[in-house]
Amino acid sequence: MTITPVRPAPSVAVGNGVAARVARRPILALSLTAAAFVVLCVALWPPTKEQYDLRVYVAAAQAVLNGKDIYTAHEGIYGLLGYTYPPFAALLMAPLGLLGTGAGRVLMSSLNALVLLLIGSMTVRQLRPRWSTKHVLAIGFVLGAAGLALEPVRTTFHYGQINLMLMAILLIDLLGYLPKRFRGVLIGVATGIKLTPGIFIIYLLVTRRYREALTASAAAAATIAIGFIAMPDAAWRFWGTYILDPTRPGSSTLFANQAWRGVIDRLSGGAQGISPLWIFAVLATLVVGFLTVRRAYDRGFVLESILLTAAIGVLVSPISWTAHWVWALPAAALLWTRVVAAHRAGGTRSRSFQLQTGLAVLTTLSFGLGLPWIGPRMDDRELHQHGFEIFLGNAYAIVGAILVLAAAYAFAFRRRHSQV
């Protein structure tokens, strides 16, 4: 289906003052909009907010600067969990040690705000490749700001996490914004920071982008080497011990763990470890998911293939907190774009429109309302859910699985799949 690019309407003078000059200068208008959004986010998540994960980052960063152990830096600090990332990530976070917690919170909220606008713009560019850059940025900023309506995005701000930043650098690499010879580098760096982005190295192999996969692997290996050179003792402990302990970030049965392991552990009444059921769920997700990814990519659906890989990654990871599902933002934008296309093609009575609308509504409401936070939770109440509570408590994983299966049906079983 061909999309006719929407041309911006001719500018209209809105006055003789600052407003008129801003209206005539879209770059200035976009810059002021971005600045205003940053101010809004800092106001919503000010330095007085706890931002728990940021406290963990700052403690590890200060340990780096003081030559102490990053994995025991939390000891003696009430209520603080241990640092769980590789040593390389702690090196990148070292500047937070100089800023401290208060200034670090302002910096983190500001960076997350700017990154959110960038993610919105990259998503719109993929969905509307024929639009002008100014139009893409304008709508992209709106989409990015709308991301605050989704619980994973809000929680990322609330805890001062790096999920949005990792998604941004992955999209920059995966969507081809880097020169060809450097593609794969950012995927490798992201993997060196938090391991889970390594699922996209598999993505590169599945989509036959072998040179990029090699580059990504080399970059990831380089981050490991840097960690061993800078902090050999910490590196040996992380890669020899901590990486094998999936409970170090927290209990796998906690409602916020929206990975298959969390779902299975809750339904089973407690932590099951590496159970046969979990292994089966992981293998089935990998096989069905990546077969679908391959078909989607081969048909030119690049954004779809990336988002499917992200869904696979959070489902198969032992721990995927609700904030890790920030990929719901571009996914929701994609689904609503499909709704519009289905309506134009067949109207409201078409089966495609109804199915696309159902998926879009389910995804938007689930992640917007933060359904896992609504069901019974904390104090092991997650282990005693019944009826609709089971859906609420495992909503992200269930919706993610539905989207993967819907994509598998669309790309594997339907002979035609209309492109928007």
Protein backbone atom coordinates (compact mmCIF):
# COMPACT_ATOMS: atom_id res chain seq x y z
CA MET A 1 0.00 0.00 0.00
CA THR A 2 1.50 3.35 -1.01
CA ILE A 3 1.48 6.14 1.50
CA THR A 4 1.24 9.66 0.19
CA PRO A 5 3.57 11.86 2.20
CA VAL A 6 1.85 14.51 4.22
CA ARG A 7 3.22 17.94 3.36
CA PRO A 8 3.41 20.56 6.08
CA ALA A 9 0.90 23.33 5.65
CA PRO A 10 2.26 26.76 4.71
CA SER A 11 3.40 28.64 7.77
CA VAL A 12 1.02 31.26 9.10
CA ALA A 13 2.19 34.29 11.00
CA VAL A 14 1.14 34.03 14.62
CA GLY A 15 2.19 37.47 15.73
CA ASN A 16 4.95 39.98 15.48
CA GLY A 17 6.92 38.79 18.48
CA VAL A 18 8.86 35.72 19.55
CA ALA A 19 6.05 33.34 18.52
CA ALA A 20 6.18 34.56 14.93
CA ARG A 21 9.95 34.13 14.71
CA VAL A 22 9.73 30.64 16.20
CA ALA A 23 6.99 29.65 13.72
CA ARG A 24 9.22 30.71 10.84
CA ARG A 25 12.17 28.71 12.19
CA PRO A 26 11.24 25.04 12.65
CA ILE A 27 14.69 24.11 13.98
CA LEU A 28 14.34 26.72 16.71
CA ALA A 29 10.82 25.52 17.44
CA LEU A 30 11.98 21.91 17.72
CA SER A 31 14.89 22.91 19.95
CA LEU A 32 12.61 24.84 22.29
CA THR A 33 10.18 21.92 22.34
CA ALA A 34 12.97 19.51 23.29
CA ALA A 35 14.19 21.87 26.01
CA ALA A 36 10.67 22.24 27.39
CA PHE A 37 10.24 18.45 27.44
CA VAL A 38 13.51 18.04 29.33
CA VAL A 39 12.36 20.61 31.90
CA LEU A 40 9.04 18.77 32.22
CA CYS A 41 10.73 15.42 32.83
CA VAL A 42 13.14 16.88 35.39
CA ALA A 43 10.13 18.46 37.13
CA LEU A 44 8.29 15.12 37.15
CA TRP A 45 11.35 13.24 38.39
CA PRO A 46 13.34 15.84 40.36
CA PRO A 47 16.52 15.29 42.41
CA THR A 48 14.32 14.64 45.45
CA LYS A 49 12.98 11.44 43.86
CA GLU A 50 14.75 8.32 45.03
CA GLN A 51 15.53 6.82 41.61
CA TYR A 52 16.63 3.58 43.22
CA ASP A 53 18.66 2.10 40.36
CA LEU A 54 20.53 5.36 39.92
CA ARG A 55 21.68 5.02 43.52
CA VAL A 56 23.13 1.62 42.59
CA TYR A 57 24.90 3.15 39.57
CA VAL A 58 26.32 6.00 41.66
CA ALA A 59 27.59 3.63 44.36
CA ALA A 60 29.37 1.52 41.73
CA ALA A 61 30.72 4.62 39.97
CA GLN A 62 32.16 5.98 43.20
CA ALA A 63 33.74 2.59 43.84
CA VAL A 64 35.43 2.81 40.43
CA LEU A 65 36.83 6.27 41.23
CA ASN A 66 37.97 5.20 44.69
CA GLY A 67 39.52 1.92 43.56
CA LYS A 68 37.05 -0.19 45.52
CA ASP A 69 35.03 -3.29 44.61
CA ILE A 70 32.00 -2.33 42.52
CA TYR A 71 30.14 -5.50 43.51
CA THR A 72 30.32 -4.85 47.26
CA ALA A 73 29.86 -1.08 47.07
CA HIS A 74 26.24 -1.46 48.19
CA GLU A 75 27.16 -3.07 51.48
CA GLY A 76 26.45 -0.82 54.40
CA ILE A 77 23.88 1.21 52.40
CA TYR A 78 20.43 0.36 53.71
CA GLY A 79 18.07 -1.26 51.22
CA LEU A 80 20.46 -1.14 48.27
CA LEU A 81 20.88 -4.17 46.01
CA GLY A 82 24.24 -5.07 44.51
CA TYR A 83 25.51 -3.81 41.17
CA THR A 84 24.64 -6.36 38.45
CA TYR A 85 26.27 -5.11 35.24
CA PRO A 86 29.70 -6.02 33.81
CA PRO A 87 32.72 -3.94 34.89
CA PHE A 88 32.74 -2.14 31.53
CA ALA A 89 29.38 -0.54 32.35
CA ALA A 90 30.73 0.74 35.66
CA LEU A 91 33.59 2.43 33.81
CA LEU A 92 31.12 4.26 31.57
CA MET A 93 29.13 5.31 34.62
CA ALA A 94 32.18 6.70 36.42
CA PRO A 95 31.15 10.35 35.80
CA LEU A 96 28.08 9.71 37.98
CA GLY A 97 30.48 9.18 40.85
CA LEU A 98 31.69 12.76 40.47
CA LEU A 99 28.19 14.20 40.17
CA GLY A 100 26.71 12.36 43.10
CA THR A 101 23.11 11.26 43.48
CA GLY A 102 21.34 14.63 43.22
CA ALA A 103 23.04 15.96 40.09
CA GLY A 104 23.08 12.42 38.70
CA ARG A 105 19.29 12.31 38.90
CA VAL A 106 18.97 15.54 36.94
CA LEU A 107 21.39 14.24 34.33
CA MET A 108 19.64 10.88 34.03
CA SER A 109 16.17 12.42 33.69
CA SER A 110 17.48 14.90 31.09
CA LEU A 111 19.23 12.22 29.04
CA ASN A 112 16.21 9.92 29.16
CA ALA A 113 13.98 12.78 27.99
CA LEU A 114 16.21 13.58 25.00
CA VAL A 115 16.64 9.91 24.15
CA LEU A 116 12.86 9.43 24.24
CA LEU A 117 12.43 12.16 21.62
CA LEU A 118 15.16 10.52 19.52
CA ILE A 119 13.44 7.12 19.73
CA GLY A 120 10.14 8.70 18.68
CA SER A 121 11.81 10.36 15.68
CA MET A 122 13.59 7.20 14.53
CA THR A 123 10.33 5.26 14.81
CA VAL A 124 8.41 7.80 12.74
CA ARG A 125 11.17 7.81 10.10
CA GLN A 126 10.75 4.05 9.71
CA LEU A 127 6.97 4.26 9.57
CA ARG A 128 6.89 7.22 7.20
CA PRO A 129 10.10 7.12 5.12
CA ARG A 130 8.83 9.65 2.58
CA TRP A 131 8.12 12.43 5.03
CA SER A 132 10.42 15.44 5.25
CA THR A 133 12.95 15.56 8.08
CA LYS A 134 11.19 18.46 9.77
CA HIS A 135 7.86 16.63 9.68
CA VAL A 136 9.45 13.44 11.00
CA LEU A 137 11.03 15.33 13.90
CA ALA A 138 7.83 17.18 14.74
CA ILE A 139 5.69 14.02 14.85
CA GLY A 140 8.57 12.06 16.36
CA PHE A 141 8.77 14.48 19.28
CA VAL A 142 5.03 14.05 19.84
CA LEU A 143 5.40 10.27 19.78
CA GLY A 144 8.37 10.38 22.14
CA ALA A 145 6.55 12.61 24.60
CA ALA A 146 3.52 10.31 24.39
CA GLY A 147 5.82 7.53 25.57
CA LEU A 148 5.37 8.86 29.10
CA ALA A 149 1.89 7.35 28.96
CA LEU A 150 3.46 3.86 29.03
CA GLU A 151 4.40 2.27 32.34
CA PRO A 152 7.79 0.86 31.21
CA VAL A 153 8.88 4.36 30.16
CA ARG A 154 7.60 5.99 33.36
CA THR A 155 9.28 3.33 35.48
CA THR A 156 12.56 3.84 33.65
CA PHE A 157 12.42 7.51 34.65
CA HIS A 158 11.24 6.66 38.15
CA TYR A 159 14.15 4.35 38.88
CA GLY A 160 16.74 6.29 36.87
CA GLN A 161 17.49 3.35 34.59
CA ILE A 162 19.31 3.11 31.24
CA ASN A 163 16.75 1.10 29.26
CA LEU A 164 15.82 3.96 26.91
CA MET A 165 19.47 4.77 26.23
CA LEU A 166 20.24 1.18 25.33
CA MET A 167 17.21 1.02 23.02
CA ALA A 168 18.30 4.24 21.31
CA ILE A 169 21.85 3.10 20.56
CA LEU A 170 20.56 -0.26 19.34
CA LEU A 171 18.11 1.44 16.97
CA ILE A 172 20.82 3.78 15.69
CA ASP A 173 22.89 0.74 14.75
CA LEU A 174 20.13 -1.58 13.56
CA LEU A 175 18.34 1.02 11.43
CA GLY A 176 21.50 1.92 9.53
CA TYR A 177 22.31 5.37 10.89
CA LEU A 178 25.98 4.44 11.21
CA PRO A 179 28.43 4.22 8.29
CA LYS A 180 28.51 0.65 6.99
CA ARG A 181 31.97 -0.12 8.30
CA PHE A 182 30.88 0.73 11.87
CA ARG A 183 27.55 -1.08 11.90
CA GLY A 184 27.47 -3.60 14.71
CA VAL A 185 29.76 -1.60 17.00
CA LEU A 186 26.97 -0.09 19.08
CA ILE A 187 25.24 -3.46 19.40
CA GLY A 188 28.47 -4.87 20.79
CA VAL A 189 28.89 -1.94 23.18
CA ALA A 190 25.28 -2.31 24.38
CA THR A 191 25.93 -6.01 24.96
CA GLY A 192 29.03 -5.12 26.98
CA ILE A 193 26.92 -2.84 29.15
CA LYS A 194 23.97 -5.09 29.94
CA LEU A 195 24.37 -8.49 28.19
CA THR A 196 20.71 -8.79 27.11
CA PRO A 197 21.23 -6.71 23.93
CA GLY A 198 23.32 -9.68 22.78
CA ILE A 199 20.06 -11.09 21.39
CA PHE A 200 20.60 -8.67 18.50
CA ILE A 201 23.87 -10.36 17.58
CA ILE A 202 21.74 -13.46 16.98
CA TYR A 203 19.39 -11.21 15.00
CA LEU A 204 22.26 -10.15 12.74
CA LEU A 205 23.17 -13.79 12.13
CA VAL A 206 19.55 -14.79 11.43
CA THR A 207 19.17 -11.94 8.93
CA ARG A 208 22.49 -12.89 7.28
CA ARG A 209 24.26 -9.66 8.19
CA TYR A 210 27.38 -11.63 9.00
CA ARG A 211 29.91 -8.81 8.81
CA GLU A 212 27.86 -6.73 11.25
CA ALA A 213 27.49 -9.74 13.54
CA LEU A 214 31.27 -10.19 13.53
CA THR A 215 31.79 -6.50 14.26
CA ALA A 216 29.27 -6.63 17.10
CA SER A 217 30.92 -9.72 18.57
CA ALA A 218 34.34 -8.11 18.37
CA ALA A 219 33.05 -4.94 20.03
CA ALA A 220 31.44 -6.98 22.82
CA ALA A 221 34.68 -8.91 23.31
CA ALA A 222 36.56 -5.62 23.48
CA THR A 223 34.31 -4.42 26.31
CA ILE A 224 35.05 -7.61 28.23
CA ALA A 225 38.80 -7.14 27.69
CA ILE A 226 38.60 -3.52 28.87
CA GLY A 227 36.84 -4.71 32.02
CA PHE A 228 39.57 -7.27 32.74
CA ILE A 229 42.31 -4.70 32.15
CA ALA A 230 40.73 -2.02 34.33
CA MET A 231 39.28 -4.23 37.09
CA PRO A 232 40.63 -7.79 36.81
CA ASP A 233 39.35 -9.03 40.17
CA ALA A 234 35.86 -7.68 39.63
CA ALA A 235 35.82 -9.03 36.07
CA TRP A 236 36.77 -12.52 37.21
CA ARG A 237 34.01 -12.49 39.84
CA PHE A 238 31.38 -11.21 37.44
CA TRP A 239 32.12 -13.57 34.55
CA GLY A 240 32.90 -16.52 36.83
CA THR A 241 30.20 -16.18 39.48
CA TYR A 242 27.69 -13.36 39.25
CA ILE A 243 26.68 -14.00 35.64
CA LEU A 244 25.51 -17.47 36.71
CA ASP A 245 23.32 -16.07 39.49
CA PRO A 246 20.06 -14.80 37.91
CA THR A 247 18.61 -14.01 41.34
CA ARG A 248 21.24 -11.36 42.11
CA PRO A 249 19.04 -8.57 40.63
CA GLY A 250 16.08 -9.77 42.74
CA SER A 251 13.54 -12.56 43.13
CA SER A 252 12.43 -14.20 39.90
CA THR A 253 8.90 -14.64 41.30
CA LEU A 254 8.35 -10.91 41.80
CA PHE A 255 5.42 -9.57 39.75
CA ALA A 256 7.72 -7.11 37.95
CA ASN A 257 9.65 -9.97 36.32
CA GLN A 258 7.73 -10.25 33.05
CA ALA A 259 9.92 -12.92 31.47
CA TRP A 260 8.91 -16.53 30.91
CA ARG A 261 10.85 -17.55 34.01
CA GLY A 262 8.88 -15.14 36.16
CA VAL A 263 5.57 -16.37 34.71
CA ILE A 264 6.45 -20.04 35.24
CA ASP A 265 7.82 -19.49 38.75
CA ARG A 266 4.70 -17.60 39.82
CA LEU A 267 2.32 -20.17 38.37
CA SER A 268 4.37 -22.95 39.96
CA GLY A 269 4.20 -21.38 43.40
CA GLY A 270 7.89 -20.53 43.76
CA ALA A 271 11.29 -20.32 42.09
CA GLN A 272 11.86 -23.37 39.89
CA GLY A 273 15.35 -22.59 38.60
CA ILE A 274 16.23 -24.05 35.21
CA SER A 275 13.08 -26.15 34.91
CA PRO A 276 12.14 -28.27 31.87
CA LEU A 277 9.08 -26.08 31.30
CA TRP A 278 11.20 -22.92 31.22
CA ILE A 279 13.69 -24.51 28.82
CA PHE A 280 10.83 -25.54 26.53
CA ALA A 281 9.31 -22.04 26.63
CA VAL A 282 12.67 -20.45 25.82
CA LEU A 283 13.44 -22.83 22.95
CA ALA A 284 9.95 -22.51 21.46
CA THR A 285 10.16 -18.71 21.64
CA LEU A 286 13.59 -18.67 20.01
CA VAL A 287 12.62 -21.03 17.19
CA VAL A 288 9.22 -19.54 16.35
CA GLY A 289 10.42 -16.01 16.99
CA PHE A 290 13.53 -16.06 14.85
CA LEU A 291 11.85 -17.95 12.00
CA THR A 292 9.36 -15.09 11.97
CA VAL A 293 12.13 -12.52 12.23
CA ARG A 294 13.85 -14.03 9.20
CA ARG A 295 10.66 -13.95 7.11
CA ALA A 296 9.80 -10.41 8.17
CA TYR A 297 13.28 -9.11 7.38
CA ASP A 298 13.40 -10.88 4.01
CA ARG A 299 10.13 -9.18 3.05
CA GLY A 300 11.48 -5.75 3.93
CA PHE A 301 9.81 -5.33 7.33
CA VAL A 302 12.93 -4.19 9.15
CA LEU A 303 11.29 -2.43 12.10
CA GLU A 304 8.99 -5.39 12.64
CA SER A 305 11.95 -7.77 12.69
CA ILE A 306 13.76 -5.59 15.24
CA LEU A 307 10.75 -5.31 17.54
CA LEU A 308 10.13 -9.05 17.33
CA THR A 309 13.73 -9.66 18.38
CA ALA A 310 13.30 -7.30 21.31
CA ALA A 311 10.19 -9.23 22.39
CA ILE A 312 12.09 -12.50 22.13
CA GLY A 313 14.89 -11.06 24.23
CA VAL A 314 12.74 -9.95 27.15
CA LEU A 315 10.75 -13.19 27.13
CA VAL A 316 13.73 -15.55 27.24
CA SER A 317 15.87 -13.54 29.67
CA PRO A 318 15.74 -14.96 33.23
CA ILE A 319 14.87 -11.51 34.60
CA SER A 320 12.96 -8.89 32.58
CA TRP A 321 11.53 -6.18 34.80
CA THR A 322 8.53 -4.23 33.53
CA ALA A 323 10.84 -1.29 32.72
CA HIS A 324 12.72 -3.48 30.24
CA TRP A 325 9.61 -3.47 28.04
CA VAL A 326 10.27 0.09 26.80
CA TRP A 327 10.15 -1.40 23.30
CA ALA A 328 6.37 -1.14 23.74
CA LEU A 329 6.59 2.46 22.53
CA PRO A 330 7.71 1.79 18.92
CA ALA A 331 5.61 -1.39 18.94
CA ALA A 332 2.44 0.54 19.78
CA ALA A 333 3.25 3.15 17.14
CA LEU A 334 3.73 0.40 14.56
CA LEU A 335 0.47 -1.32 15.50
CA TRP A 336 -1.60 1.87 15.26
CA THR A 337 0.01 2.61 11.89
CA ARG A 338 -1.16 -0.82 10.75
CA VAL A 339 -4.67 0.01 12.00
CA VAL A 340 -4.75 3.13 9.83
CA ALA A 341 -3.50 1.18 6.82
CA ALA A 342 -6.09 -1.58 7.33
CA HIS A 343 -8.85 1.01 7.59
CA ARG A 344 -7.79 2.67 4.36
CA ALA A 345 -7.59 -0.67 2.59
CA GLY A 346 -10.82 -2.29 3.73
CA GLY A 347 -12.75 -0.06 6.11
CA THR A 348 -13.91 -0.83 9.63
CA ARG A 349 -15.62 -4.08 8.65
CA SER A 350 -12.52 -5.74 7.29
CA ARG A 351 -11.06 -8.61 9.28
CA SER A 352 -7.60 -7.09 9.05
CA PHE A 353 -8.78 -3.81 10.58
CA GLN A 354 -10.51 -5.58 13.44
CA LEU A 355 -7.53 -7.80 14.23
CA GLN A 356 -5.03 -4.93 14.00
CA THR A 357 -7.22 -2.74 16.18
CA GLY A 358 -7.55 -5.50 18.77
CA LEU A 359 -3.78 -5.95 18.95
CA ALA A 360 -3.17 -2.19 19.13
CA VAL A 361 -5.74 -1.67 21.89
CA LEU A 362 -4.50 -4.67 23.89
CA THR A 363 -0.89 -3.52 23.68
CA THR A 364 -1.57 0.14 24.43
CA LEU A 365 -3.85 -0.53 27.39
CA SER A 366 -1.65 -3.27 28.87
CA PHE A 367 1.50 -1.17 28.86
CA GLY A 368 -0.27 2.13 29.45
CA LEU A 369 -2.12 0.95 32.55
CA GLY A 370 0.82 -1.16 33.73
CA LEU A 371 -1.39 -4.20 34.29
CA PRO A 372 1.15 -6.25 36.31
CA TRP A 373 1.09 -3.46 38.91
CA ILE A 374 -2.70 -3.79 39.23
CA GLY A 375 -2.86 -7.50 40.06
CA PRO A 376 -2.04 -8.99 43.48
CA ARG A 377 1.61 -8.32 44.24
CA MET A 378 4.31 -8.22 46.90
CA ASP A 379 4.54 -10.40 50.00
CA ASP A 380 4.30 -13.48 47.72
CA ARG A 381 0.74 -12.63 46.69
CA GLU A 382 1.93 -13.15 43.11
CA LEU A 383 2.10 -16.86 43.90
CA HIS A 384 -1.62 -17.10 44.66
CA GLN A 385 -3.27 -15.48 41.65
CA HIS A 386 -6.51 -16.89 40.24
CA GLY A 387 -8.67 -16.29 37.18
CA PHE A 388 -8.22 -12.87 35.58
CA GLU A 389 -5.54 -12.07 38.14
CA ILE A 390 -3.24 -14.45 36.28
CA PHE A 391 -3.57 -12.33 33.14
CA LEU A 392 -3.01 -9.10 35.08
CA GLY A 393 0.05 -10.43 36.88
CA ASN A 394 1.67 -11.74 33.69
CA ALA A 395 0.22 -9.29 31.16
CA TYR A 396 3.44 -8.10 29.51
CA ALA A 397 4.72 -11.60 28.84
CA ILE A 398 1.30 -12.71 27.58
CA VAL A 399 0.91 -9.70 25.28
CA GLY A 400 4.48 -10.15 24.03
CA ALA A 401 3.77 -13.79 23.21
CA ILE A 402 0.52 -12.84 21.43
CA LEU A 403 2.36 -10.31 19.28
CA VAL A 404 5.05 -12.86 18.36
CA LEU A 405 2.40 -15.44 17.44
CA ALA A 406 0.39 -12.87 15.48
CA ALA A 407 3.50 -11.94 13.53
CA ALA A 408 4.29 -15.63 12.96
CA TYR A 409 0.82 -16.10 11.51
CA ALA A 410 1.10 -12.99 9.33
CA PHE A 411 4.53 -13.76 7.91
CA ALA A 412 4.61 -17.55 7.92
CA PHE A 413 1.07 -18.56 7.03
CA ARG A 414 -0.34 -15.68 5.01
CA ARG A 415 0.89 -15.51 1.46
CA ARG A 416 0.46 -11.79 1.26
CA HIS A 417 1.20 -9.15 3.78
CA SER A 418 0.44 -5.61 2.70
CA GLN A 419 3.11 -3.13 3.53
CA VAL A 420 2.17 0.23 4.93
